[in-house]
Amino acid sequence: MHGIKYNFTRAKRKEEKEPFREGGAQSLGGGDGKTILIAYTPVTNGQYADFLKATGRPAPKDWKEGRYLAGKEAHPVVNVGYPDAVAYCQWLTATLGQGRYRLPTAEEWEIAAGHMPKDADFNNGENPGTTPVTQDAMTQAACGAVDMWGNAGEWTSTAKAGDPGKSVQAVNLAVKGGAWNTPRTACRTEAREEFRQAASGYEKVGFRVVRER
């Protein structure tokens, strides 16, 4: 596997002190009570390149000749749609054999993130694009993960109200965390207004995986 390790951290509800569980009536996936671990960082360009090399899938549109731009190995991969993220999770599951990998539900993402501190440092309004996923590692989520606010938004598997059951070409999914150029208030964990069309890729949206075991 590529340079940066897949580091997973256990997310817990503060009031229960227990691993959070699969949930959300609008989730596109299901785990029914399995323990969930969330990745320390979003998926990077370097990690996604391993997947492309192994599967032959097309590269994101911001890459040049099938390669990410120089110096962006540790930046979050963007311009990947929900189907691409799902395919990556399926590949990771088959490759690592340590459980089932998938995208988090919006509820799981929020529990893992916890409340965003008012004085939190992260990439928002300071740079004209993404930065390495561990650049602001001193700012940690409730579960200990990093880069959950700003830099690039993150796909979840939670559909917009009224959309569950629609095809992937029609469904809109919740995107969490905000990006490098969204209003800081839109990065808050509690912000629930951003939905994107699942089949498309966006220059400000990447993804983070969870592992069921």
N, C-alpha and C. Protein backbone atom coordinates (compact mmCIF):
# COMPACT_ATOMS: atom_id res chain seq x y z
N MET A 1 0.83 -1.19 0.00
CA MET A 1 0.00 0.00 0.00
C MET A 1 0.87 1.25 0.00
N HIS A 2 0.26 2.36 -0.27
CA HIS A 2 1.01 3.61 -0.42
C HIS A 2 1.45 4.18 0.91
N GLY A 3 2.45 5.06 0.84
CA GLY A 3 3.10 5.71 1.97
C GLY A 3 2.33 5.92 3.25
N ILE A 4 1.24 6.71 3.21
CA ILE A 4 0.50 7.02 4.43
C ILE A 4 -0.31 5.81 4.86
N LYS A 5 -0.20 5.42 6.11
CA LYS A 5 -0.89 4.23 6.60
C LYS A 5 -2.37 4.51 6.82
N TYR A 6 -3.15 3.44 6.74
CA TYR A 6 -4.57 3.54 7.05
C TYR A 6 -4.72 3.41 8.56
N ASN A 7 -4.78 4.53 9.22
CA ASN A 7 -4.84 4.60 10.68
C ASN A 7 -6.29 4.75 11.08
N PHE A 8 -6.81 3.86 11.88
CA PHE A 8 -8.21 3.94 12.28
C PHE A 8 -8.34 4.24 13.75
N THR A 9 -9.36 5.01 14.08
CA THR A 9 -9.57 5.41 15.47
C THR A 9 -11.01 5.10 15.86
N ARG A 10 -11.21 4.68 17.08
CA ARG A 10 -12.55 4.32 17.54
C ARG A 10 -13.30 5.58 17.96
N ALA A 11 -14.48 5.75 17.43
CA ALA A 11 -15.31 6.90 17.79
C ALA A 11 -16.31 6.49 18.87
N LYS A 12 -16.49 7.33 19.85
CA LYS A 12 -17.40 7.02 20.96
C LYS A 12 -18.35 8.17 21.24
N ARG A 13 -19.54 7.82 21.64
CA ARG A 13 -20.48 8.82 22.12
C ARG A 13 -20.03 9.24 23.51
N LYS A 14 -19.85 10.51 23.75
CA LYS A 14 -19.34 10.97 25.04
C LYS A 14 -20.22 10.51 26.20
N GLU A 15 -21.53 10.54 26.00
CA GLU A 15 -22.42 10.21 27.11
C GLU A 15 -22.46 8.70 27.38
N GLU A 16 -22.12 7.88 26.39
CA GLU A 16 -22.21 6.44 26.55
C GLU A 16 -20.86 5.77 26.73
N LYS A 17 -19.80 6.42 26.22
CA LYS A 17 -18.46 5.85 26.28
C LYS A 17 -18.40 4.48 25.60
N GLU A 18 -19.16 4.33 24.53
CA GLU A 18 -19.18 3.08 23.80
C GLU A 18 -18.95 3.37 22.32
N PRO A 19 -18.41 2.40 21.56
CA PRO A 19 -18.26 2.59 20.12
C PRO A 19 -19.60 2.92 19.49
N PHE A 20 -19.61 3.88 18.56
CA PHE A 20 -20.91 4.18 17.96
C PHE A 20 -21.32 3.08 17.00
N ARG A 21 -22.60 3.07 16.72
CA ARG A 21 -23.17 2.00 15.92
C ARG A 21 -23.70 2.53 14.59
N GLU A 22 -23.86 1.63 13.66
CA GLU A 22 -24.48 1.98 12.38
C GLU A 22 -25.87 2.54 12.64
N GLY A 23 -26.21 3.62 11.98
CA GLY A 23 -27.52 4.19 12.23
C GLY A 23 -27.97 5.11 11.12
N GLY A 24 -29.14 5.68 11.27
CA GLY A 24 -29.66 6.62 10.31
C GLY A 24 -30.64 5.97 9.36
N ALA A 25 -31.89 6.35 9.44
CA ALA A 25 -32.92 5.73 8.60
C ALA A 25 -32.66 5.97 7.13
N GLN A 26 -31.90 7.02 6.81
CA GLN A 26 -31.67 7.35 5.42
C GLN A 26 -30.32 6.83 4.92
N SER A 27 -29.65 6.02 5.71
CA SER A 27 -28.37 5.46 5.29
C SER A 27 -28.54 4.55 4.08
N LEU A 28 -27.55 4.63 3.17
CA LEU A 28 -27.58 3.74 2.01
C LEU A 28 -26.92 2.40 2.31
N GLY A 29 -26.26 2.29 3.47
CA GLY A 29 -25.61 1.04 3.84
C GLY A 29 -26.14 0.57 5.17
N GLY A 30 -25.70 -0.59 5.62
CA GLY A 30 -26.18 -1.09 6.90
C GLY A 30 -25.15 -1.94 7.60
N GLY A 31 -25.07 -1.86 8.93
CA GLY A 31 -24.11 -2.65 9.67
C GLY A 31 -24.75 -3.35 10.85
N ASP A 32 -25.94 -2.89 11.29
CA ASP A 32 -26.70 -3.53 12.35
C ASP A 32 -25.88 -3.88 13.59
N GLY A 33 -25.34 -2.86 14.23
CA GLY A 33 -24.71 -3.05 15.52
C GLY A 33 -23.24 -3.41 15.51
N LYS A 34 -22.60 -3.44 14.37
CA LYS A 34 -21.18 -3.77 14.34
C LYS A 34 -20.35 -2.59 14.83
N THR A 35 -19.20 -2.88 15.41
CA THR A 35 -18.30 -1.82 15.84
C THR A 35 -17.74 -1.09 14.63
N ILE A 36 -17.71 0.24 14.69
CA ILE A 36 -17.27 1.06 13.57
C ILE A 36 -15.98 1.80 13.93
N LEU A 37 -15.00 1.75 13.05
CA LEU A 37 -13.77 2.52 13.21
C LEU A 37 -13.68 3.49 12.05
N ILE A 38 -13.27 4.73 12.33
CA ILE A 38 -13.20 5.74 11.28
C ILE A 38 -11.75 6.09 10.99
N ALA A 39 -11.43 6.33 9.74
CA ALA A 39 -10.06 6.61 9.32
C ALA A 39 -9.54 7.89 9.95
N TYR A 40 -8.26 7.89 10.24
CA TYR A 40 -7.59 9.04 10.85
C TYR A 40 -7.62 10.25 9.92
N THR A 41 -7.53 10.04 8.62
CA THR A 41 -7.55 11.13 7.64
C THR A 41 -8.48 10.78 6.49
N PRO A 42 -8.84 11.77 5.67
CA PRO A 42 -9.53 11.46 4.42
C PRO A 42 -8.60 10.67 3.51
N VAL A 43 -9.15 10.05 2.49
CA VAL A 43 -8.33 9.35 1.50
C VAL A 43 -7.51 10.38 0.73
N THR A 44 -6.24 10.11 0.57
CA THR A 44 -5.33 11.04 -0.12
C THR A 44 -5.17 10.67 -1.59
N ASN A 45 -4.58 11.59 -2.34
CA ASN A 45 -4.26 11.31 -3.73
C ASN A 45 -3.34 10.09 -3.85
N GLY A 46 -2.36 10.00 -2.97
CA GLY A 46 -1.43 8.88 -3.01
C GLY A 46 -2.12 7.56 -2.79
N GLN A 47 -3.03 7.52 -1.83
CA GLN A 47 -3.77 6.30 -1.55
C GLN A 47 -4.71 5.95 -2.71
N TYR A 48 -5.35 6.96 -3.26
CA TYR A 48 -6.28 6.72 -4.37
C TYR A 48 -5.54 6.24 -5.61
N ALA A 49 -4.30 6.69 -5.77
CA ALA A 49 -3.49 6.26 -6.91
C ALA A 49 -3.24 4.75 -6.87
N ASP A 50 -3.08 4.18 -5.66
CA ASP A 50 -2.92 2.73 -5.52
C ASP A 50 -4.14 2.01 -6.08
N PHE A 51 -5.30 2.54 -5.73
CA PHE A 51 -6.56 1.97 -6.19
C PHE A 51 -6.67 2.02 -7.71
N LEU A 52 -6.34 3.15 -8.30
CA LEU A 52 -6.41 3.28 -9.76
C LEU A 52 -5.45 2.34 -10.46
N LYS A 53 -4.26 2.21 -9.91
CA LYS A 53 -3.26 1.32 -10.50
C LYS A 53 -3.74 -0.12 -10.48
N ALA A 54 -4.41 -0.50 -9.40
CA ALA A 54 -4.87 -1.89 -9.25
C ALA A 54 -6.11 -2.20 -10.06
N THR A 55 -6.95 -1.20 -10.28
CA THR A 55 -8.25 -1.45 -10.91
C THR A 55 -8.39 -0.92 -12.33
N GLY A 56 -7.56 0.05 -12.71
CA GLY A 56 -7.66 0.62 -14.04
C GLY A 56 -8.79 1.62 -14.20
N ARG A 57 -9.40 2.04 -13.10
CA ARG A 57 -10.47 3.03 -13.20
C ARG A 57 -9.90 4.39 -13.60
N PRO A 58 -10.70 5.25 -14.21
CA PRO A 58 -10.21 6.57 -14.64
C PRO A 58 -9.85 7.47 -13.47
N ALA A 59 -8.86 8.31 -13.69
CA ALA A 59 -8.39 9.23 -12.65
C ALA A 59 -9.33 10.43 -12.52
N PRO A 60 -9.32 11.11 -11.37
CA PRO A 60 -10.11 12.34 -11.21
C PRO A 60 -9.73 13.37 -12.28
N LYS A 61 -10.66 14.23 -12.62
CA LYS A 61 -10.45 15.15 -13.73
C LYS A 61 -9.38 16.20 -13.48
N ASP A 62 -9.01 16.43 -12.21
CA ASP A 62 -7.96 17.43 -11.95
C ASP A 62 -6.57 16.84 -12.04
N TRP A 63 -6.45 15.51 -12.24
CA TRP A 63 -5.15 14.88 -12.43
C TRP A 63 -4.71 15.08 -13.88
N LYS A 64 -3.44 15.01 -14.14
CA LYS A 64 -2.90 15.19 -15.48
C LYS A 64 -2.29 13.88 -15.97
N GLU A 65 -2.81 13.41 -17.10
CA GLU A 65 -2.34 12.16 -17.69
C GLU A 65 -2.38 11.01 -16.68
N GLY A 66 -3.46 11.00 -15.91
CA GLY A 66 -3.66 9.91 -14.97
C GLY A 66 -2.86 10.01 -13.69
N ARG A 67 -2.22 11.15 -13.44
CA ARG A 67 -1.41 11.31 -12.23
C ARG A 67 -1.81 12.57 -11.48
N TYR A 68 -1.75 12.50 -10.16
CA TYR A 68 -2.03 13.69 -9.36
C TYR A 68 -0.90 14.70 -9.54
N LEU A 69 -1.17 15.96 -9.30
CA LEU A 69 -0.19 17.01 -9.51
C LEU A 69 0.96 16.89 -8.51
N ALA A 70 2.13 17.31 -8.94
CA ALA A 70 3.33 17.24 -8.10
C ALA A 70 3.10 17.97 -6.78
N GLY A 71 3.52 17.34 -5.70
CA GLY A 71 3.39 17.95 -4.39
C GLY A 71 2.05 17.71 -3.72
N LYS A 72 1.14 16.99 -4.37
CA LYS A 72 -0.20 16.79 -3.82
C LYS A 72 -0.48 15.35 -3.40
N GLU A 73 0.55 14.59 -3.20
CA GLU A 73 0.38 13.19 -2.80
C GLU A 73 -0.43 13.06 -1.51
N ALA A 74 -0.17 13.94 -0.55
CA ALA A 74 -0.83 13.84 0.76
C ALA A 74 -2.05 14.74 0.89
N HIS A 75 -2.49 15.35 -0.22
CA HIS A 75 -3.72 16.15 -0.21
C HIS A 75 -4.92 15.21 -0.33
N PRO A 76 -6.09 15.63 0.15
CA PRO A 76 -7.28 14.78 -0.02
C PRO A 76 -7.64 14.63 -1.49
N VAL A 77 -7.95 13.43 -1.91
CA VAL A 77 -8.40 13.25 -3.29
C VAL A 77 -9.78 13.89 -3.42
N VAL A 78 -10.01 14.60 -4.52
CA VAL A 78 -11.29 15.25 -4.79
C VAL A 78 -11.71 14.89 -6.21
N ASN A 79 -12.85 15.42 -6.63
CA ASN A 79 -13.40 15.11 -7.95
C ASN A 79 -13.69 13.63 -8.11
N VAL A 80 -14.13 13.00 -7.03
CA VAL A 80 -14.57 11.60 -7.08
C VAL A 80 -16.03 11.55 -6.65
N GLY A 81 -16.84 10.89 -7.43
CA GLY A 81 -18.25 10.75 -7.09
C GLY A 81 -18.48 9.63 -6.09
N TYR A 82 -19.70 9.51 -5.62
CA TYR A 82 -20.04 8.46 -4.67
C TYR A 82 -19.74 7.07 -5.22
N PRO A 83 -20.06 6.77 -6.50
CA PRO A 83 -19.74 5.44 -7.03
C PRO A 83 -18.24 5.15 -7.00
N ASP A 84 -17.42 6.16 -7.24
CA ASP A 84 -15.97 5.98 -7.17
C ASP A 84 -15.54 5.64 -5.75
N ALA A 85 -16.12 6.37 -4.78
CA ALA A 85 -15.77 6.14 -3.38
C ALA A 85 -16.20 4.75 -2.93
N VAL A 86 -17.37 4.31 -3.38
CA VAL A 86 -17.85 2.96 -3.04
C VAL A 86 -16.92 1.91 -3.64
N ALA A 87 -16.50 2.10 -4.89
CA ALA A 87 -15.59 1.16 -5.54
C ALA A 87 -14.26 1.10 -4.80
N TYR A 88 -13.79 2.25 -4.32
CA TYR A 88 -12.55 2.28 -3.53
C TYR A 88 -12.72 1.45 -2.26
N CYS A 89 -13.85 1.61 -1.59
CA CYS A 89 -14.10 0.86 -0.35
C CYS A 89 -14.16 -0.64 -0.62
N GLN A 90 -14.77 -1.02 -1.72
CA GLN A 90 -14.86 -2.43 -2.07
C GLN A 90 -13.46 -3.00 -2.35
N TRP A 91 -12.65 -2.23 -3.03
CA TRP A 91 -11.27 -2.65 -3.31
C TRP A 91 -10.47 -2.77 -2.02
N LEU A 92 -10.65 -1.80 -1.13
CA LEU A 92 -9.93 -1.82 0.13
C LEU A 92 -10.33 -3.04 0.96
N THR A 93 -11.61 -3.35 0.96
CA THR A 93 -12.10 -4.52 1.68
C THR A 93 -11.43 -5.80 1.16
N ALA A 94 -11.38 -5.94 -0.16
CA ALA A 94 -10.79 -7.14 -0.75
C ALA A 94 -9.27 -7.17 -0.58
N THR A 95 -8.65 -6.01 -0.57
CA THR A 95 -7.19 -5.94 -0.52
C THR A 95 -6.64 -6.14 0.89
N LEU A 96 -7.26 -5.48 1.87
CA LEU A 96 -6.74 -5.52 3.23
C LEU A 96 -7.29 -6.68 4.06
N GLY A 97 -8.51 -7.11 3.77
CA GLY A 97 -9.08 -8.24 4.47
C GLY A 97 -9.18 -8.08 5.98
N GLN A 98 -9.46 -6.87 6.43
CA GLN A 98 -9.54 -6.60 7.87
C GLN A 98 -10.94 -6.17 8.30
N GLY A 99 -11.92 -6.49 7.51
CA GLY A 99 -13.28 -6.05 7.79
C GLY A 99 -13.87 -5.42 6.55
N ARG A 100 -15.05 -4.86 6.70
CA ARG A 100 -15.72 -4.22 5.58
C ARG A 100 -15.51 -2.72 5.64
N TYR A 101 -15.04 -2.16 4.54
CA TYR A 101 -14.83 -0.72 4.43
C TYR A 101 -15.99 -0.10 3.66
N ARG A 102 -16.41 1.09 4.09
CA ARG A 102 -17.51 1.80 3.44
C ARG A 102 -17.44 3.26 3.82
N LEU A 103 -18.38 4.05 3.30
CA LEU A 103 -18.48 5.44 3.69
C LEU A 103 -19.31 5.55 4.97
N PRO A 104 -19.06 6.56 5.79
CA PRO A 104 -19.86 6.74 7.00
C PRO A 104 -21.23 7.32 6.66
N THR A 105 -22.19 7.08 7.54
CA THR A 105 -23.45 7.82 7.45
C THR A 105 -23.17 9.23 8.00
N ALA A 106 -24.08 10.16 7.76
CA ALA A 106 -23.92 11.50 8.30
C ALA A 106 -23.91 11.47 9.82
N GLU A 107 -24.73 10.62 10.41
CA GLU A 107 -24.78 10.51 11.86
C GLU A 107 -23.45 10.01 12.42
N GLU A 108 -22.90 9.00 11.80
CA GLU A 108 -21.60 8.47 12.24
C GLU A 108 -20.51 9.52 12.13
N TRP A 109 -20.53 10.26 11.01
CA TRP A 109 -19.54 11.31 10.81
C TRP A 109 -19.63 12.35 11.92
N GLU A 110 -20.84 12.77 12.25
CA GLU A 110 -21.03 13.79 13.28
C GLU A 110 -20.58 13.30 14.66
N ILE A 111 -20.89 12.06 14.99
CA ILE A 111 -20.46 11.51 16.27
C ILE A 111 -18.94 11.46 16.35
N ALA A 112 -18.32 11.04 15.26
CA ALA A 112 -16.86 10.96 15.23
C ALA A 112 -16.22 12.34 15.35
N ALA A 113 -16.81 13.34 14.68
CA ALA A 113 -16.24 14.69 14.68
C ALA A 113 -16.43 15.39 16.03
N GLY A 114 -17.62 15.29 16.60
CA GLY A 114 -17.91 16.05 17.80
C GLY A 114 -18.05 17.53 17.46
N HIS A 115 -18.17 18.36 18.48
CA HIS A 115 -18.36 19.80 18.27
C HIS A 115 -17.07 20.44 17.77
N MET A 116 -17.17 21.31 16.77
CA MET A 116 -16.01 22.02 16.24
C MET A 116 -15.64 23.17 17.17
N PRO A 117 -14.45 23.15 17.77
CA PRO A 117 -14.04 24.26 18.65
C PRO A 117 -14.02 25.59 17.92
N LYS A 118 -14.40 26.66 18.59
CA LYS A 118 -14.43 27.98 17.96
C LYS A 118 -13.06 28.42 17.48
N ASP A 119 -12.00 28.04 18.21
CA ASP A 119 -10.65 28.48 17.85
C ASP A 119 -9.87 27.41 17.09
N ALA A 120 -10.56 26.43 16.52
CA ALA A 120 -9.89 25.34 15.81
C ALA A 120 -9.15 25.87 14.58
N ASP A 121 -7.94 25.38 14.38
CA ASP A 121 -7.14 25.72 13.20
C ASP A 121 -7.33 24.65 12.14
N PHE A 122 -7.74 25.07 10.96
CA PHE A 122 -7.86 24.15 9.83
C PHE A 122 -7.88 24.95 8.55
N ASN A 123 -7.76 24.28 7.41
CA ASN A 123 -7.66 24.97 6.13
C ASN A 123 -9.01 25.50 5.68
N ASN A 124 -9.25 26.76 6.00
CA ASN A 124 -10.49 27.42 5.62
C ASN A 124 -10.24 28.91 5.51
N GLY A 125 -10.29 29.43 4.28
CA GLY A 125 -10.09 30.84 4.05
C GLY A 125 -8.64 31.30 4.14
N GLU A 126 -7.71 30.36 4.15
CA GLU A 126 -6.29 30.71 4.29
C GLU A 126 -5.46 30.33 3.07
N ASN A 127 -5.91 29.35 2.30
CA ASN A 127 -5.15 28.86 1.15
C ASN A 127 -6.06 28.76 -0.07
N PRO A 128 -5.48 28.93 -1.27
CA PRO A 128 -6.28 28.86 -2.50
C PRO A 128 -6.47 27.44 -3.00
N GLY A 129 -6.73 26.52 -2.10
CA GLY A 129 -6.88 25.13 -2.49
C GLY A 129 -6.65 24.21 -1.30
N THR A 130 -6.60 22.92 -1.57
CA THR A 130 -6.39 21.95 -0.50
C THR A 130 -4.95 21.96 0.01
N THR A 131 -4.78 21.38 1.19
CA THR A 131 -3.46 21.24 1.81
C THR A 131 -3.31 19.79 2.28
N PRO A 132 -2.10 19.35 2.66
CA PRO A 132 -1.92 17.98 3.16
C PRO A 132 -2.88 17.68 4.31
N VAL A 133 -3.38 16.46 4.36
CA VAL A 133 -4.42 16.10 5.33
C VAL A 133 -3.95 16.17 6.78
N THR A 134 -2.65 16.11 7.01
CA THR A 134 -2.15 16.19 8.39
C THR A 134 -1.52 17.55 8.70
N GLN A 135 -1.71 18.52 7.84
CA GLN A 135 -1.10 19.84 8.07
C GLN A 135 -1.58 20.47 9.37
N ASP A 136 -2.85 20.28 9.70
CA ASP A 136 -3.41 20.84 10.93
C ASP A 136 -3.75 19.72 11.92
N ALA A 137 -2.82 18.80 12.07
CA ALA A 137 -3.06 17.62 12.91
C ALA A 137 -3.24 17.95 14.39
N MET A 138 -2.86 19.17 14.81
CA MET A 138 -3.07 19.56 16.21
C MET A 138 -4.57 19.75 16.50
N THR A 139 -5.35 19.99 15.44
CA THR A 139 -6.79 20.11 15.59
C THR A 139 -7.40 18.73 15.38
N GLN A 140 -7.89 18.14 16.45
CA GLN A 140 -8.43 16.79 16.37
C GLN A 140 -9.93 16.76 16.65
N ALA A 141 -10.59 15.82 16.00
CA ALA A 141 -12.00 15.59 16.24
C ALA A 141 -12.18 14.86 17.56
N ALA A 142 -13.42 14.68 17.97
CA ALA A 142 -13.71 14.00 19.24
C ALA A 142 -13.13 12.61 19.28
N CYS A 143 -13.06 11.94 18.13
CA CYS A 143 -12.56 10.58 18.07
C CYS A 143 -11.05 10.50 17.89
N GLY A 144 -10.39 11.66 17.69
CA GLY A 144 -8.95 11.68 17.49
C GLY A 144 -8.54 11.79 16.04
N ALA A 145 -9.50 11.75 15.11
CA ALA A 145 -9.19 11.90 13.69
C ALA A 145 -8.85 13.36 13.38
N VAL A 146 -8.23 13.60 12.23
CA VAL A 146 -7.84 14.95 11.83
C VAL A 146 -8.45 15.30 10.47
N ASP A 147 -8.42 16.59 10.16
CA ASP A 147 -8.88 17.12 8.87
C ASP A 147 -10.37 16.87 8.63
N MET A 148 -11.16 16.92 9.69
CA MET A 148 -12.60 16.71 9.53
C MET A 148 -13.35 18.00 9.24
N TRP A 149 -12.71 19.13 9.42
CA TRP A 149 -13.34 20.42 9.11
C TRP A 149 -12.46 21.16 8.11
N GLY A 150 -13.08 21.76 7.11
CA GLY A 150 -12.33 22.50 6.11
C GLY A 150 -11.57 21.58 5.16
N ASN A 151 -10.70 22.16 4.34
CA ASN A 151 -9.87 21.48 3.35
C ASN A 151 -10.72 20.91 2.23
N ALA A 152 -11.42 19.81 2.45
CA ALA A 152 -12.35 19.27 1.45
C ALA A 152 -13.53 18.64 2.17
N GLY A 153 -14.71 18.85 1.65
CA GLY A 153 -15.89 18.21 2.21
C GLY A 153 -15.80 16.70 2.04
N GLU A 154 -16.63 15.96 2.76
CA GLU A 154 -16.54 14.50 2.72
C GLU A 154 -17.91 13.87 2.46
N TRP A 155 -17.94 12.98 1.47
CA TRP A 155 -19.15 12.24 1.17
C TRP A 155 -19.61 11.42 2.38
N THR A 156 -20.91 11.30 2.54
CA THR A 156 -21.49 10.31 3.45
C THR A 156 -22.48 9.49 2.63
N SER A 157 -23.02 8.45 3.24
CA SER A 157 -23.99 7.61 2.53
C SER A 157 -25.43 7.99 2.87
N THR A 158 -25.62 9.12 3.53
CA THR A 158 -26.96 9.54 3.94
C THR A 158 -27.63 10.38 2.87
N ALA A 159 -28.79 9.92 2.44
CA ALA A 159 -29.52 10.60 1.37
C ALA A 159 -30.36 11.76 1.91
N LYS A 160 -30.57 12.75 1.07
CA LYS A 160 -31.44 13.87 1.39
C LYS A 160 -32.86 13.36 1.60
N ALA A 161 -33.59 13.99 2.51
CA ALA A 161 -34.97 13.59 2.78
C ALA A 161 -35.76 13.52 1.47
N GLY A 162 -36.41 12.42 1.25
CA GLY A 162 -37.18 12.24 0.03
C GLY A 162 -36.43 11.52 -1.06
N ASP A 163 -35.10 11.37 -0.89
CA ASP A 163 -34.28 10.74 -1.92
C ASP A 163 -34.01 9.25 -1.73
N PRO A 164 -34.07 8.69 -0.51
CA PRO A 164 -33.77 7.27 -0.35
C PRO A 164 -34.58 6.41 -1.32
N GLY A 165 -33.90 5.46 -1.95
CA GLY A 165 -34.57 4.61 -2.92
C GLY A 165 -34.37 5.05 -4.34
N LYS A 166 -33.93 6.28 -4.55
CA LYS A 166 -33.65 6.76 -5.90
C LYS A 166 -32.35 6.14 -6.43
N SER A 167 -32.19 6.15 -7.74
CA SER A 167 -30.97 5.62 -8.34
C SER A 167 -29.80 6.53 -8.00
N VAL A 168 -28.58 6.01 -8.17
CA VAL A 168 -27.40 6.80 -7.85
C VAL A 168 -27.31 8.02 -8.75
N GLN A 169 -27.93 7.96 -9.94
CA GLN A 169 -27.92 9.11 -10.84
C GLN A 169 -28.85 10.22 -10.36
N ALA A 170 -29.78 9.89 -9.47
CA ALA A 170 -30.76 10.88 -9.03
C ALA A 170 -30.63 11.28 -7.57
N VAL A 171 -30.00 10.45 -6.75
CA VAL A 171 -29.97 10.71 -5.32
C VAL A 171 -28.97 11.80 -4.96
N ASN A 172 -29.30 12.58 -3.94
CA ASN A 172 -28.40 13.59 -3.39
C ASN A 172 -27.97 13.14 -2.00
N LEU A 173 -26.68 13.20 -1.75
CA LEU A 173 -26.13 12.71 -0.49
C LEU A 173 -25.53 13.83 0.34
N ALA A 174 -25.57 13.67 1.65
CA ALA A 174 -25.01 14.67 2.56
C ALA A 174 -23.50 14.71 2.44
N VAL A 175 -22.96 15.92 2.42
CA VAL A 175 -21.52 16.16 2.43
C VAL A 175 -21.20 16.93 3.70
N LYS A 176 -20.20 16.48 4.44
CA LYS A 176 -19.90 17.04 5.75
C LYS A 176 -18.53 17.71 5.81
N GLY A 177 -18.41 18.70 6.70
CA GLY A 177 -17.11 19.26 7.04
C GLY A 177 -16.68 20.53 6.34
N GLY A 178 -17.36 20.91 5.26
CA GLY A 178 -16.95 22.12 4.55
C GLY A 178 -15.64 21.95 3.82
N ALA A 179 -15.17 23.01 3.19
CA ALA A 179 -13.96 22.94 2.38
C ALA A 179 -13.08 24.16 2.63
N TRP A 180 -12.04 24.28 1.82
CA TRP A 180 -11.05 25.34 2.01
C TRP A 180 -11.63 26.73 1.75
N ASN A 181 -12.70 26.82 0.98
CA ASN A 181 -13.23 28.15 0.64
C ASN A 181 -14.71 28.31 0.96
N THR A 182 -15.27 27.42 1.80
CA THR A 182 -16.65 27.61 2.22
C THR A 182 -16.68 28.46 3.49
N PRO A 183 -17.80 29.10 3.79
CA PRO A 183 -17.88 29.88 5.03
C PRO A 183 -17.55 28.99 6.24
N ARG A 184 -16.85 29.54 7.20
CA ARG A 184 -16.44 28.74 8.35
C ARG A 184 -17.65 28.12 9.06
N THR A 185 -18.76 28.85 9.10
CA THR A 185 -19.95 28.31 9.76
C THR A 185 -20.47 27.05 9.05
N ALA A 186 -20.21 26.95 7.74
CA ALA A 186 -20.65 25.79 6.98
C ALA A 186 -19.79 24.57 7.26
N CYS A 187 -18.65 24.76 7.93
CA CYS A 187 -17.77 23.65 8.28
C CYS A 187 -18.19 22.98 9.58
N ARG A 188 -19.03 23.65 10.36
CA ARG A 188 -19.44 23.11 11.66
C ARG A 188 -20.04 21.71 11.53
N THR A 189 -19.79 20.90 12.53
CA THR A 189 -20.34 19.55 12.54
C THR A 189 -21.86 19.57 12.41
N GLU A 190 -22.50 20.55 13.04
CA GLU A 190 -23.95 20.63 13.06
C GLU A 190 -24.55 21.12 11.74
N ALA A 191 -23.73 21.64 10.83
CA ALA A 191 -24.23 22.14 9.55
C ALA A 191 -24.75 20.96 8.72
N ARG A 192 -25.98 21.04 8.28
CA ARG A 192 -26.61 19.93 7.56
C ARG A 192 -27.31 20.38 6.29
N GLU A 193 -26.77 21.41 5.67
CA GLU A 193 -27.42 21.96 4.49
C GLU A 193 -26.80 21.51 3.18
N GLU A 194 -25.62 20.89 3.22
CA GLU A 194 -24.93 20.59 1.96
C GLU A 194 -25.23 19.17 1.49
N PHE A 195 -25.79 19.10 0.28
CA PHE A 195 -26.03 17.82 -0.38
C PHE A 195 -25.49 17.93 -1.80
N ARG A 196 -24.96 16.82 -2.31
CA ARG A 196 -24.43 16.81 -3.67
C ARG A 196 -24.99 15.59 -4.43
N GLN A 197 -25.09 15.77 -5.75
CA GLN A 197 -25.58 14.68 -6.60
C GLN A 197 -24.55 13.56 -6.60
N ALA A 198 -24.98 12.37 -6.23
CA ALA A 198 -24.05 11.28 -5.93
C ALA A 198 -23.18 10.84 -7.09
N ALA A 199 -23.70 10.88 -8.29
CA ALA A 199 -22.96 10.34 -9.43
C ALA A 199 -21.85 11.26 -9.91
N SER A 200 -21.83 12.50 -9.44
CA SER A 200 -20.85 13.48 -9.92
C SER A 200 -19.69 13.64 -8.96
N GLY A 201 -18.56 14.12 -9.50
CA GLY A 201 -17.41 14.47 -8.68
C GLY A 201 -17.31 15.97 -8.56
N TYR A 202 -16.79 16.45 -7.43
CA TYR A 202 -16.71 17.90 -7.19
C TYR A 202 -15.31 18.27 -6.70
N GLU A 203 -14.86 19.46 -7.11
CA GLU A 203 -13.49 19.86 -6.80
C GLU A 203 -13.26 20.13 -5.32
N LYS A 204 -14.31 20.23 -4.53
CA LYS A 204 -14.17 20.51 -3.10
C LYS A 204 -14.67 19.35 -2.23
N VAL A 205 -14.89 18.18 -2.84
CA VAL A 205 -15.43 17.04 -2.08
C VAL A 205 -14.57 15.80 -2.25
N GLY A 206 -14.17 15.23 -1.12
CA GLY A 206 -13.44 13.97 -1.10
C GLY A 206 -14.20 12.98 -0.24
N PHE A 207 -13.48 12.07 0.42
CA PHE A 207 -14.17 11.11 1.29
C PHE A 207 -13.21 10.48 2.28
N ARG A 208 -13.81 9.97 3.34
CA ARG A 208 -13.11 9.26 4.41
C ARG A 208 -13.83 7.93 4.58
N VAL A 209 -13.10 6.90 4.92
CA VAL A 209 -13.74 5.59 5.06
C VAL A 209 -13.90 5.19 6.51
N VAL A 210 -14.84 4.28 6.74
CA VAL A 210 -14.98 3.63 8.03
C VAL A 210 -14.81 2.12 7.81
N ARG A 211 -14.48 1.43 8.89
CA ARG A 211 -14.31 -0.01 8.82
C ARG A 211 -15.20 -0.69 9.86
N GLU A 212 -15.99 -1.64 9.41
CA GLU A 212 -16.81 -2.45 10.30
C GLU A 212 -16.05 -3.74 10.62
N ARG A 213 -16.11 -4.13 11.85
CA ARG A 213 -15.50 -5.42 12.18
C ARG A 213 -16.18 -6.04 13.39
